[in-house]
Amino acid sequence: MEIVVQSGQLAVSEALRTHVARSLERALAGHRLWVRRIEVQLSATACVVRVRLHRLLAIAVRQPGSDLYTAVARAARAAGSAVARRMARRIRVKRVFGLRGAGA
């Protein structure tokens, strides 16, 4: 999983970068094979997480908050839930239509 942290003009400490990486790895651990790239955009008022999946469109989550550590943790959890829903929907569609590679 490639994680890219962008912050514009906001200074990002090494501790915040580590928090971002750990939060996202924890939230997306079950879907590690499907995740190609994660882009995190930090600002003073929000955290935006974009997850690019293998053969699928990107998933974007925006979490507002003045405390970046809390915003990152919440955005990571929301991104993990969104990826899980997308993958469940993909597997369900394959099973309904009897396509190969259903993952079961």
Foldseek 3Di string as FASTA:
>chain_A
DAEAEAEVPDDDDPVNVVLLVVLQCVLQVVPVVFWDYWYWYDYQFKIKIWTDTVPDHIDIDIFTDNDSSVRSNVRSNVRSVVVVVVLVVQLVVCVVVVHPPSVD
